[in-house]
Amino acid sequence: MQFMRSAFKSAPRPQLAAVMVLAVVGLAATATGAAAFMPGQVEIVTQGAFPTEVPSNTHYFHKIQEAVNVTKKGAWVLIEPGVYEEEVKVTKEHSGIWIRGMNRNTVVLNGEHITPNPTTGANGIEIIKASNVSVENLTVANFNRPELNGPGGNEIWWNGGADSKKIGSHGWWGRYLTAYDTGLNGGYGIFTNNEIEGGWENIYASGFNDSGIYLGACKECQADITNATMENNALGYSGSNSGGSLWIENSIFRHNTTGIAPNSENPGDGPPPQNGECNQLNKPEPKHKLPKIETTEIARCTIFRHNLITENNNLAVPANNSAKAAPWGAGIELPGTYGDLVEENTITDNPNNGVLAFEYPNPYPPQSDTIDFQLSGNKIADNTFSGNGYKGGAFAGDVAMEGGIFGTAQSVNNCLTGNSFADATYPASIEGEWGCQNKTTPNAGGGFPFLEYLLTLQGESENRESLVEVKGQPAPPSQPTMPNPCSEVPRNPLCP
């Protein structure tokens, strides 16, 4: 993300959870049912000696990459505890496989902060245009960029085609994953771009100079992220141009520079914008490239719900140029977003704002290719706020919303309802004129004083080294491991 340089009910969750379950069960059926034409293949990675007697469906390797190289659809790669110092790449011919550690905390891929290739950087596990690949129950740490703003530095990356502006694969699944970096040059923890149909569950990321988790470049993502803990990152969650059916829920975002930041971006992970309205694939592309939301009574399918978003106040975490440019100290930031729902979260103790929402001309200052993303159609409902805005400032507090400076001045039809506020909002009495009881709402205003407020927060973020000591973040404690790593795995020596 780069900054400036009432009859309607919220749409119930479509059957995405069921789709995810069916997809996983379908993959399991492929693996276990494969015995009809070939044994269910299990590739075991160990740091010990190979056994002398091995079943016909099982092979042993010392390297994860060697095991991946022999897989076909429906195969399993099981990794025994140990520290593995290698990069792993999964390419298209290995679609439909599982990579699973036998213990989340003791199966570790460690990049050791080794200076990587200056052209590509280092990535821990990269899944390149391969569909239906699951990575589960392991830790990936300290794979770095060659420098703070260089390439790579992704610990676990489902790469459907970076910079292609196209969906290159589908089916990305991750469970019981830990990603962390204790230095300055870790980029993203757990990362998906240019893919649809997937989800993360029970994941953790810390210490990244861009974001702990990132999901970008999917107009209709069809994704569910749940039980995530993101702390000590420049951004806890970042999502450029990702929308449609996308839920982030039951998760914790704390001690990041900024907690949650969906965003429209240009050029970024195109195509823009970020739009949370339902059924994005069925919507015709508007001639002006930006949606025009006519009412507050729309169906929203990008949902941030039931999360704890607290103490996002960490300027000491390293940040690359992109993340530095985001105004800091907000629990949730909505730069140029459309049609998102922020619902039933607990948002506390963020120094500048609980929710900070604004228009987003990008790139800034304006130039020939700048797109003036508006802020339109978002809904903030039934959240509990407390202790936000303690740093002070003209627009600090629980919610600050701006609109009407840039572009078409159509930052309209945003609404709020049912929130429990403890501190200031801008505009004041925000659930009156901007309440969801209104079928339409106007621009929020704010003018150049609000712009000055944003630029001040941006400047503090960009100059964090003059305010605090920027340093690598600590390695996390052990995280909950998968209760039964043999679940659904074909019979093999590790899972008899």
Protein backbone atom coordinates (compact mmCIF):
# COMPACT_ATOMS: atom_id res chain seq x y z
CA MET A 1 0.00 0.00 0.00
CA GLN A 2 1.23 3.46 -0.80
CA PHE A 3 -0.34 6.63 0.53
CA MET A 4 0.05 10.09 -0.95
CA ARG A 5 3.15 10.41 -2.73
CA SER A 6 -33.72 0.34 5.74
CA ALA A 7 -34.64 -2.87 4.69
CA PHE A 8 -31.20 -3.93 3.83
CA LYS A 9 -29.33 -6.26 6.14
CA SER A 10 -25.65 -6.97 5.83
CA ALA A 11 -25.25 -9.83 3.40
CA PRO A 12 -24.98 -13.15 5.20
CA ARG A 13 -21.88 -15.15 4.47
CA PRO A 14 -22.40 -17.06 1.25
CA GLN A 15 -21.47 -20.69 1.30
CA LEU A 16 -17.74 -20.00 1.11
CA ALA A 17 -17.00 -22.03 4.23
CA ALA A 18 -18.83 -24.95 2.67
CA VAL A 19 -16.94 -24.44 -0.58
CA MET A 20 -13.66 -24.49 1.33
CA VAL A 21 -14.61 -27.69 3.14
CA LEU A 22 -15.72 -29.36 -0.07
CA ALA A 23 -12.50 -28.33 -1.79
CA VAL A 24 -10.35 -29.74 0.98
CA VAL A 25 -12.45 -32.91 1.22
CA GLY A 26 -12.30 -33.23 -2.54
CA LEU A 27 -8.53 -33.02 -2.46
CA ALA A 28 -8.45 -35.61 0.33
CA ALA A 29 -10.65 -37.89 -1.74
CA THR A 30 -8.23 -37.50 -4.61
CA ALA A 31 -5.36 -38.51 -2.36
CA THR A 32 -7.00 -41.39 -0.52
CA GLY A 33 -9.06 -42.55 -3.48
CA ALA A 34 -6.03 -42.52 -5.74
CA ALA A 35 -5.34 -46.10 -4.67
CA ALA A 36 -7.78 -47.20 -7.37
CA PHE A 37 -5.17 -46.37 -10.00
CA MET A 38 -2.00 -45.73 -8.01
CA PRO A 39 -0.97 -45.83 -4.34
CA GLY A 40 -1.51 -42.64 -2.34
CA GLN A 41 1.99 -41.19 -2.45
CA VAL A 42 3.65 -39.94 0.72
CA GLU A 43 7.02 -38.21 0.53
CA ILE A 44 8.72 -38.01 3.93
CA VAL A 45 11.42 -35.44 4.65
CA THR A 46 13.75 -36.30 7.52
CA GLN A 47 17.08 -35.20 8.90
CA GLY A 48 17.76 -38.70 10.16
CA ALA A 49 18.81 -41.91 8.45
CA PHE A 50 16.41 -43.49 5.98
CA PRO A 51 14.77 -46.73 7.18
CA THR A 52 15.74 -49.97 5.46
CA GLU A 53 12.15 -51.06 4.86
CA VAL A 54 9.80 -48.58 3.22
CA PRO A 55 6.22 -49.17 1.98
CA SER A 56 5.68 -48.94 -1.76
CA ASN A 57 3.70 -45.70 -1.47
CA THR A 58 6.40 -43.90 0.54
CA HIS A 59 9.75 -42.30 -0.28
CA TYR A 60 12.31 -40.56 1.93
CA PHE A 61 14.30 -37.38 1.29
CA HIS A 62 16.61 -35.06 3.20
CA LYS A 63 15.41 -31.92 1.36
CA ILE A 64 11.88 -30.56 1.13
CA GLN A 65 12.50 -29.45 -2.46
CA GLU A 66 13.56 -32.96 -3.47
CA ALA A 67 10.32 -34.35 -2.05
CA VAL A 68 8.19 -31.71 -3.81
CA ASN A 69 9.92 -32.44 -7.12
CA VAL A 70 8.54 -36.00 -7.29
CA THR A 71 4.94 -35.16 -6.35
CA LYS A 72 1.85 -35.37 -8.48
CA LYS A 73 -1.73 -34.36 -7.73
CA GLY A 74 -2.93 -35.90 -4.48
CA ALA A 75 0.51 -36.50 -2.99
CA TRP A 76 1.58 -35.57 0.52
CA VAL A 77 4.90 -34.14 1.65
CA LEU A 78 5.32 -34.80 5.38
CA ILE A 79 8.20 -33.07 7.15
CA GLU A 80 9.74 -34.40 10.33
CA PRO A 81 10.96 -31.96 13.01
CA GLY A 82 14.20 -30.15 12.26
CA VAL A 83 15.62 -26.90 10.91
CA TYR A 84 15.73 -26.85 7.10
CA GLU A 85 17.86 -24.21 5.42
CA GLU A 86 16.51 -24.14 1.89
CA GLU A 87 14.14 -22.29 -0.38
CA VAL A 88 11.23 -24.35 -1.70
CA LYS A 89 9.40 -23.75 -4.98
CA VAL A 90 6.18 -25.51 -5.99
CA THR A 91 5.40 -25.15 -9.69
CA LYS A 92 2.29 -25.82 -11.75
CA GLU A 93 2.98 -29.50 -12.38
CA HIS A 94 2.78 -30.06 -8.63
CA SER A 95 -0.74 -28.67 -8.24
CA GLY A 96 -3.03 -30.44 -5.83
CA ILE A 97 -0.49 -31.43 -3.17
CA TRP A 98 -0.20 -31.04 0.60
CA ILE A 99 2.94 -29.89 2.39
CA ARG A 100 2.56 -30.57 6.09
CA GLY A 101 4.93 -30.43 9.02
CA MET A 102 4.55 -32.95 11.82
CA ASN A 103 4.88 -30.16 14.41
CA ARG A 104 4.22 -26.46 13.82
CA ASN A 105 6.94 -25.24 16.17
CA THR A 106 9.75 -27.73 15.50
CA VAL A 107 9.50 -28.01 11.71
CA VAL A 108 11.32 -24.80 10.74
CA LEU A 109 12.50 -23.45 7.39
CA ASN A 110 15.04 -20.82 8.34
CA GLY A 111 16.62 -18.40 5.90
CA GLU A 112 19.12 -17.35 8.58
CA HIS A 113 19.12 -13.74 7.24
CA ILE A 114 21.60 -14.88 4.58
CA THR A 115 22.15 -12.11 2.02
CA PRO A 116 19.93 -13.21 -0.87
CA ASN A 117 20.13 -12.82 -4.61
CA PRO A 118 19.89 -9.05 -5.27
CA THR A 119 17.53 -9.63 -8.21
CA THR A 120 15.02 -12.00 -6.60
CA GLY A 121 15.62 -11.89 -2.86
CA ALA A 122 14.94 -15.04 -0.87
CA ASN A 123 11.54 -16.65 -0.34
CA GLY A 124 10.82 -19.52 2.01
CA ILE A 125 8.05 -21.48 0.26
CA GLU A 126 6.82 -20.08 -3.06
CA ILE A 127 3.89 -21.72 -4.84
CA ILE A 128 4.08 -20.47 -8.43
CA LYS A 129 0.83 -20.68 -10.43
CA ALA A 130 0.08 -24.04 -8.83
CA SER A 131 -3.55 -24.60 -7.83
CA ASN A 132 -4.97 -26.35 -4.77
CA VAL A 133 -1.75 -26.44 -2.78
CA SER A 134 -1.99 -26.67 1.01
CA VAL A 135 0.82 -25.69 3.37
CA GLU A 136 0.23 -26.62 6.99
CA ASN A 137 1.72 -26.97 10.46
CA LEU A 138 5.19 -25.48 10.16
CA THR A 139 7.27 -22.34 10.71
CA VAL A 140 9.10 -20.26 8.10
CA ALA A 141 11.48 -17.54 9.29
CA ASN A 142 14.13 -15.04 8.27
CA PHE A 143 14.01 -15.24 4.47
CA ASN A 144 14.94 -11.71 3.50
CA ARG A 145 15.03 -9.05 0.87
CA PRO A 146 18.52 -7.97 -0.20
CA GLU A 147 17.68 -4.56 1.27
CA LEU A 148 14.75 -2.89 2.97
CA ASN A 149 12.93 -2.10 -0.30
CA GLY A 150 14.20 -4.97 -2.44
CA PRO A 151 12.40 -8.02 -3.89
CA GLY A 152 11.58 -11.24 -2.07
CA GLY A 153 11.51 -11.59 1.68
CA ASN A 154 8.28 -13.62 1.56
CA GLU A 155 8.08 -16.52 3.99
CA ILE A 156 5.11 -18.40 2.44
CA TRP A 157 3.90 -17.10 -0.91
CA TRP A 158 1.10 -18.35 -3.14
CA ASN A 159 2.10 -16.49 -6.32
CA GLY A 160 -0.59 -16.63 -8.98
CA GLY A 161 1.30 -14.27 -11.28
CA ALA A 162 2.81 -11.18 -9.72
CA ASP A 163 2.32 -8.01 -11.79
CA SER A 164 0.24 -9.90 -14.39
CA LYS A 165 -3.11 -8.24 -13.48
CA LYS A 166 -4.66 -11.70 -14.06
CA ILE A 167 -5.79 -14.61 -11.91
CA GLY A 168 -3.19 -17.30 -12.48
CA SER A 169 -4.36 -20.09 -10.17
CA HIS A 170 -6.95 -21.05 -7.60
CA GLY A 171 -7.08 -22.95 -4.35
CA TRP A 172 -4.60 -21.65 -1.75
CA TRP A 173 -4.87 -23.19 1.68
CA GLY A 174 -2.82 -22.62 4.83
CA ARG A 175 -3.36 -23.81 8.40
CA TYR A 176 -1.29 -23.75 11.58
CA LEU A 177 1.43 -21.59 10.06
CA THR A 178 3.98 -19.35 11.75
CA ALA A 179 6.00 -16.77 9.84
CA TYR A 180 8.41 -14.35 11.46
CA ASP A 181 11.49 -12.26 10.88
CA THR A 182 13.84 -10.95 13.57
CA GLY A 183 15.78 -8.60 11.28
CA LEU A 184 15.02 -5.56 9.14
CA ASN A 185 14.47 -7.03 5.69
CA GLY A 186 11.61 -9.51 5.97
CA GLY A 187 8.94 -8.41 3.48
CA TYR A 188 5.69 -10.36 3.84
CA GLY A 189 4.85 -13.18 6.22
CA ILE A 190 2.02 -15.08 4.53
CA PHE A 191 1.20 -13.79 1.08
CA THR A 192 -1.26 -14.53 -1.75
CA ASN A 193 -1.70 -12.59 -4.98
CA ASN A 194 -3.49 -13.14 -8.29
CA GLU A 195 -5.37 -16.16 -6.96
CA ILE A 196 -8.93 -16.99 -5.91
CA GLU A 197 -10.64 -19.60 -3.71
CA GLY A 198 -8.62 -20.07 -0.59
CA GLY A 199 -8.13 -19.39 3.06
CA TRP A 200 -5.87 -19.25 6.09
CA GLU A 201 -6.70 -20.58 9.54
CA ASN A 202 -4.71 -20.49 12.78
CA ILE A 203 -1.81 -18.45 11.43
CA TYR A 204 0.70 -16.08 13.00
CA ALA A 205 3.12 -13.51 11.55
CA SER A 206 5.46 -10.93 13.07
CA GLY A 207 8.42 -8.71 12.21
CA PHE A 208 7.68 -7.85 8.56
CA ASN A 209 8.52 -4.53 6.98
CA ASP A 210 5.47 -4.62 4.73
CA SER A 211 2.70 -6.79 6.18
CA GLY A 212 2.17 -9.90 8.23
CA ILE A 213 -0.49 -11.19 5.85
CA TYR A 214 -1.25 -9.88 2.39
CA LEU A 215 -3.97 -10.76 -0.09
CA GLY A 216 -3.99 -8.79 -3.31
CA ALA A 217 -5.03 -8.65 -6.95
CA CYS A 218 -8.31 -10.55 -6.78
CA LYS A 219 -11.46 -8.69 -7.72
CA GLU A 220 -13.60 -11.57 -6.41
CA CYS A 221 -11.28 -13.31 -3.94
CA GLN A 222 -13.60 -16.00 -2.51
CA ALA A 223 -11.44 -16.23 0.58
CA ASP A 224 -11.75 -16.67 4.33
CA ILE A 225 -9.07 -15.72 6.89
CA THR A 226 -9.80 -16.75 10.47
CA ASN A 227 -7.95 -17.15 13.76
CA ALA A 228 -4.98 -15.11 12.61
CA THR A 229 -2.65 -13.30 15.01
CA MET A 230 -0.68 -10.45 13.45
CA GLU A 231 1.68 -8.46 15.65
CA ASN A 232 4.82 -6.36 15.36
CA ASN A 233 4.51 -5.75 11.60
CA ALA A 234 4.46 -2.51 9.66
CA LEU A 235 0.93 -3.51 8.57
CA GLY A 236 -0.92 -6.38 10.17
CA TYR A 237 -3.06 -7.04 7.09
CA SER A 238 -2.68 -5.37 3.72
CA GLY A 239 -4.96 -6.04 0.78
CA SER A 240 -4.45 -4.12 -2.46
CA ASN A 241 -7.34 -4.37 -4.90
CA SER A 242 -8.77 -7.47 -3.21
CA GLY A 243 -12.52 -7.63 -2.72
CA GLY A 244 -15.77 -9.37 -3.41
CA SER A 245 -16.28 -12.39 -1.15
CA LEU A 246 -13.53 -11.97 1.45
CA TRP A 247 -13.80 -12.35 5.21
CA ILE A 248 -11.26 -11.63 7.92
CA GLU A 249 -12.67 -12.63 11.27
CA ASN A 250 -12.02 -13.94 14.76
CA SER A 251 -8.45 -12.63 14.57
CA ILE A 252 -6.06 -10.43 16.53
CA PHE A 253 -4.18 -7.40 15.17
CA ARG A 254 -1.94 -5.79 17.79
CA HIS A 255 1.33 -3.89 18.15
CA ASN A 256 1.63 -3.26 14.41
CA THR A 257 2.31 0.21 13.04
CA THR A 258 -1.20 -0.01 11.55
CA GLY A 259 -3.56 -2.94 12.08
CA ILE A 260 -5.75 -3.64 9.04
CA ALA A 261 -5.46 -1.82 5.70
CA PRO A 262 -7.48 -2.91 2.68
CA ASN A 263 -6.77 -0.44 -0.08
CA SER A 264 -7.18 0.56 -3.66
CA GLU A 265 -3.82 0.99 -5.31
CA ASN A 266 -2.43 2.18 -8.63
CA PRO A 267 -0.55 0.54 -10.15
CA GLY A 268 0.14 -1.94 -7.34
CA ASP A 269 -1.45 -5.37 -7.60
CA GLY A 270 -3.93 -4.45 -10.32
CA PRO A 271 -6.53 -4.11 -11.49
CA PRO A 272 -7.89 -1.48 -9.10
CA PRO A 273 -9.97 -0.60 -7.17
CA GLN A 274 -10.62 -2.47 -3.92
CA ASN A 275 -14.36 -3.12 -3.91
CA GLY A 276 -16.18 -5.11 -1.24
CA GLU A 277 -19.54 -5.27 -2.97
CA CYS A 278 -20.91 -8.76 -3.55
CA ASN A 279 -20.76 -10.57 -6.90
CA GLN A 280 -17.90 -8.59 -8.34
CA LEU A 281 -17.43 -10.94 -11.29
CA ASN A 282 -20.98 -10.22 -12.43
CA LYS A 283 -20.56 -6.45 -12.37
CA PRO A 284 -19.74 -4.73 -15.67
CA GLU A 285 -16.54 -2.72 -15.64
CA PRO A 286 -17.54 0.96 -15.45
CA LYS A 287 -16.25 3.21 -18.18
CA HIS A 288 -14.67 5.53 -15.63
CA LYS A 289 -12.95 2.54 -13.95
CA LEU A 290 -14.30 3.43 -10.53
CA PRO A 291 -17.60 2.16 -9.10
CA LYS A 292 -20.40 4.56 -8.40
CA ILE A 293 -22.31 3.49 -5.31
CA GLU A 294 -25.74 5.11 -5.28
CA THR A 295 -27.03 4.13 -1.82
CA THR A 296 -26.02 2.88 1.61
CA GLU A 297 -28.32 -0.10 1.07
CA ILE A 298 -25.93 -2.35 -0.85
CA ALA A 299 -24.83 -5.93 -0.28
CA ARG A 300 -21.29 -6.04 1.11
CA CYS A 301 -19.16 -9.19 0.96
CA THR A 302 -15.72 -7.94 2.07
CA ILE A 303 -16.16 -8.20 5.82
CA PHE A 304 -13.89 -7.49 8.81
CA ARG A 305 -15.76 -9.05 11.71
CA HIS A 306 -15.26 -10.24 15.29
CA ASN A 307 -11.62 -9.16 15.47
CA LEU A 308 -9.60 -7.67 18.32
CA ILE A 309 -7.73 -4.66 16.93
CA THR A 310 -5.65 -3.11 19.66
CA GLU A 311 -2.52 -1.09 20.42
CA ASN A 312 -1.37 -0.67 16.85
CA ASN A 313 1.29 1.77 17.96
CA ASN A 314 4.60 0.16 16.97
CA LEU A 315 6.84 2.61 15.13
CA ALA A 316 9.92 0.57 16.08
CA VAL A 317 9.11 -2.16 13.57
CA PRO A 318 11.06 -1.82 10.28
CA ALA A 319 9.06 -0.53 7.31
CA ASN A 320 9.81 -0.36 3.62
CA ASN A 321 8.97 2.75 1.61
CA SER A 322 5.49 1.52 0.72
CA ALA A 323 4.44 0.67 4.27
CA LYS A 324 6.12 3.76 5.71
CA ALA A 325 3.90 5.93 3.55
CA ALA A 326 0.72 4.79 5.31
CA PRO A 327 -0.54 7.09 8.07
CA TRP A 328 0.30 5.23 11.27
CA GLY A 329 -1.41 4.41 14.54
CA ALA A 330 -4.81 3.32 13.22
CA GLY A 331 -6.60 0.12 14.06
CA ILE A 332 -8.30 -0.06 10.66
CA GLU A 333 -7.37 2.14 7.72
CA LEU A 334 -9.64 2.46 4.67
CA PRO A 335 -7.77 4.28 1.87
CA GLY A 336 -10.01 4.62 -1.17
CA THR A 337 -12.08 1.53 -0.38
CA TYR A 338 -15.54 0.73 -1.71
CA GLY A 339 -18.31 -1.31 -0.18
CA ASP A 340 -16.50 -2.85 2.81
CA LEU A 341 -18.17 -3.88 6.06
CA VAL A 342 -16.43 -3.35 9.42
CA GLU A 343 -18.64 -5.11 11.92
CA GLU A 344 -18.67 -6.28 15.55
CA ASN A 345 -14.97 -5.73 16.21
CA THR A 346 -13.33 -4.60 19.43
CA ILE A 347 -11.11 -1.63 18.52
CA THR A 348 -9.06 -0.26 21.41
CA ASP A 349 -6.02 1.78 22.39
CA ASN A 350 -4.81 2.79 18.94
CA PRO A 351 -2.92 6.09 19.31
CA ASN A 352 -4.41 8.04 16.43
CA ASN A 353 -7.65 6.45 15.25
CA GLY A 354 -9.74 3.37 15.72
CA VAL A 355 -10.90 3.63 12.09
CA LEU A 356 -9.31 6.11 9.67
CA ALA A 357 -11.08 6.36 6.29
CA PHE A 358 -10.19 8.70 3.45
CA GLU A 359 -10.00 9.38 -0.28
CA TYR A 360 -6.84 8.14 -1.89
CA PRO A 361 -5.30 9.84 -4.94
CA ASN A 362 -2.61 7.42 -6.02
CA PRO A 363 0.14 8.19 -6.99
CA TYR A 364 0.37 11.45 -5.05
CA PRO A 365 1.17 14.28 -5.73
CA PRO A 366 -1.14 13.98 -8.74
CA GLN A 367 0.41 13.11 -12.08
CA SER A 368 -0.81 11.85 -15.43
CA ASP A 369 -1.59 8.32 -14.23
CA THR A 370 -3.07 9.22 -10.82
CA ILE A 371 -6.42 7.63 -9.99
CA ASP A 372 -8.54 9.57 -7.51
CA PHE A 373 -9.97 6.67 -5.54
CA GLN A 374 -13.04 7.75 -3.63
CA LEU A 375 -14.26 6.41 -0.27
CA SER A 376 -17.73 5.11 -0.91
CA GLY A 377 -20.30 2.60 0.27
CA ASN A 378 -18.45 1.40 3.37
CA LYS A 379 -20.37 0.44 6.51
CA ILE A 380 -19.06 0.56 10.10
CA ALA A 381 -21.49 -1.23 12.39
CA ASP A 382 -21.80 -2.54 15.94
CA ASN A 383 -18.14 -2.14 16.90
CA THR A 384 -16.90 -1.43 20.42
CA PHE A 385 -14.36 1.41 20.63
CA SER A 386 -12.29 2.58 23.59
CA GLY A 387 -9.03 4.36 24.31
CA ASN A 388 -8.36 5.43 20.73
CA GLY A 389 -6.80 8.76 19.72
CA TYR A 390 -4.80 9.27 22.91
CA LYS A 391 -1.88 10.79 20.98
CA GLY A 392 -4.09 13.74 20.18
CA GLY A 393 -4.72 15.72 17.02
CA ALA A 394 -7.55 17.52 15.30
CA PHE A 395 -9.10 14.35 13.92
CA ALA A 396 -7.89 11.75 16.43
CA GLY A 397 -10.41 9.45 18.08
CA ASP A 398 -12.58 6.44 17.41
CA VAL A 399 -13.52 7.18 13.79
CA ALA A 400 -12.31 9.84 11.36
CA MET A 401 -13.77 9.91 7.85
CA GLU A 402 -12.85 12.33 5.05
CA GLY A 403 -14.38 12.94 1.64
CA GLY A 404 -14.88 15.60 -0.98
CA ILE A 405 -11.39 16.93 -1.74
CA PHE A 406 -10.22 14.90 -4.71
CA GLY A 407 -11.50 13.67 -8.04
CA THR A 408 -15.25 13.49 -8.54
CA ALA A 409 -15.98 14.28 -4.87
CA GLN A 410 -18.14 11.16 -4.70
CA SER A 411 -16.93 9.81 -1.36
CA VAL A 412 -20.56 9.24 -0.48
CA ASN A 413 -22.95 6.65 0.92
CA ASN A 414 -20.66 5.51 3.71
CA CYS A 415 -22.64 4.84 6.88
CA LEU A 416 -22.31 3.94 10.56
CA THR A 417 -24.72 2.32 12.99
CA GLY A 418 -24.84 0.70 16.39
CA ASN A 419 -21.27 1.48 17.40
CA SER A 420 -20.20 2.03 20.99
CA PHE A 421 -18.00 5.13 20.96
CA ALA A 422 -15.85 6.32 23.85
CA ASP A 423 -13.88 9.06 22.10
CA ALA A 424 -14.30 11.67 19.38
CA THR A 425 -15.53 11.04 15.86
CA TYR A 426 -15.20 13.13 12.75
CA PRO A 427 -17.68 14.23 11.65
CA ALA A 428 -19.15 14.69 15.13
CA SER A 429 -22.42 12.85 15.88
CA ILE A 430 -21.43 10.67 12.95
CA GLU A 431 -24.36 8.27 13.24
CA GLY A 432 -26.79 11.09 12.57
CA GLU A 433 -26.23 12.47 9.08
CA TRP A 434 -23.97 9.51 8.25
CA GLY A 435 -26.15 6.91 9.96
CA CYS A 436 -27.20 3.78 8.08
CA GLN A 437 -30.84 4.76 8.58
CA ASN A 438 -30.22 7.14 5.66
CA LYS A 439 -30.47 5.73 2.16
CA THR A 440 -27.81 8.18 1.05
CA THR A 441 -25.08 10.08 2.88
CA PRO A 442 -22.92 12.99 1.67
CA ASN A 443 -19.19 13.55 1.53
CA ALA A 444 -17.76 13.71 5.04
CA GLY A 445 -15.76 16.85 4.36
CA GLY A 446 -12.62 17.60 6.35
CA GLY A 447 -10.96 19.63 3.65
CA PHE A 448 -7.31 20.51 3.76
CA PRO A 449 -7.04 20.33 7.57
CA PHE A 450 -7.85 16.61 7.31
CA LEU A 451 -5.33 16.24 4.51
CA GLU A 452 -2.76 17.96 6.71
CA TYR A 453 -3.59 15.49 9.51
CA LEU A 454 -3.01 12.54 7.17
CA LEU A 455 0.25 13.96 5.89
CA THR A 456 1.44 14.53 9.46
CA LEU A 457 0.81 10.88 10.34
CA GLN A 458 2.50 9.83 7.12
CA GLY A 459 5.51 12.02 7.87
CA GLU A 460 5.88 10.56 11.35
CA SER A 461 5.80 7.06 9.88
CA GLU A 462 8.31 7.91 7.18
CA ASN A 463 10.65 9.48 9.72
CA ARG A 464 10.21 6.88 12.44
CA GLU A 465 13.98 6.49 12.84
CA SER A 466 14.11 10.02 14.27
CA LEU A 467 11.38 9.18 16.81
CA VAL A 468 12.27 5.67 18.02
CA GLU A 469 14.92 3.01 17.63
CA VAL A 470 13.88 0.88 14.66
CA LYS A 471 14.95 -2.71 15.21
CA GLY A 472 14.16 -6.31 14.45
CA GLN A 473 11.22 -7.71 16.38
CA PRO A 474 11.49 -10.67 18.77
CA ALA A 475 10.89 -14.26 17.72
CA PRO A 476 7.42 -15.36 18.82
CA PRO A 477 6.62 -17.96 21.45
CA SER A 478 5.40 -21.39 20.40
CA GLN A 479 2.00 -21.39 18.72
CA PRO A 480 -0.74 -24.05 18.85
CA THR A 481 0.22 -26.99 16.64
CA MET A 482 -2.14 -29.14 14.59
CA PRO A 483 -3.86 -31.58 16.97
CA ASN A 484 -3.46 -34.57 14.64
CA PRO A 485 -0.98 -34.07 11.79
CA CYS A 486 -1.86 -37.55 10.49
CA SER A 487 -5.47 -36.54 9.80
CA GLU A 488 -6.55 -37.62 6.29
CA VAL A 489 -3.02 -38.72 5.37
CA PRO A 490 -2.64 -42.10 3.61
CA ARG A 491 -1.07 -44.79 5.77
CA ASN A 492 2.71 -44.44 6.02
CA PRO A 493 5.49 -45.00 8.57
CA LEU A 494 4.80 -41.65 10.28
CA CYS A 495 1.05 -42.27 10.34
CA PRO A 496 0.58 -46.01 10.78
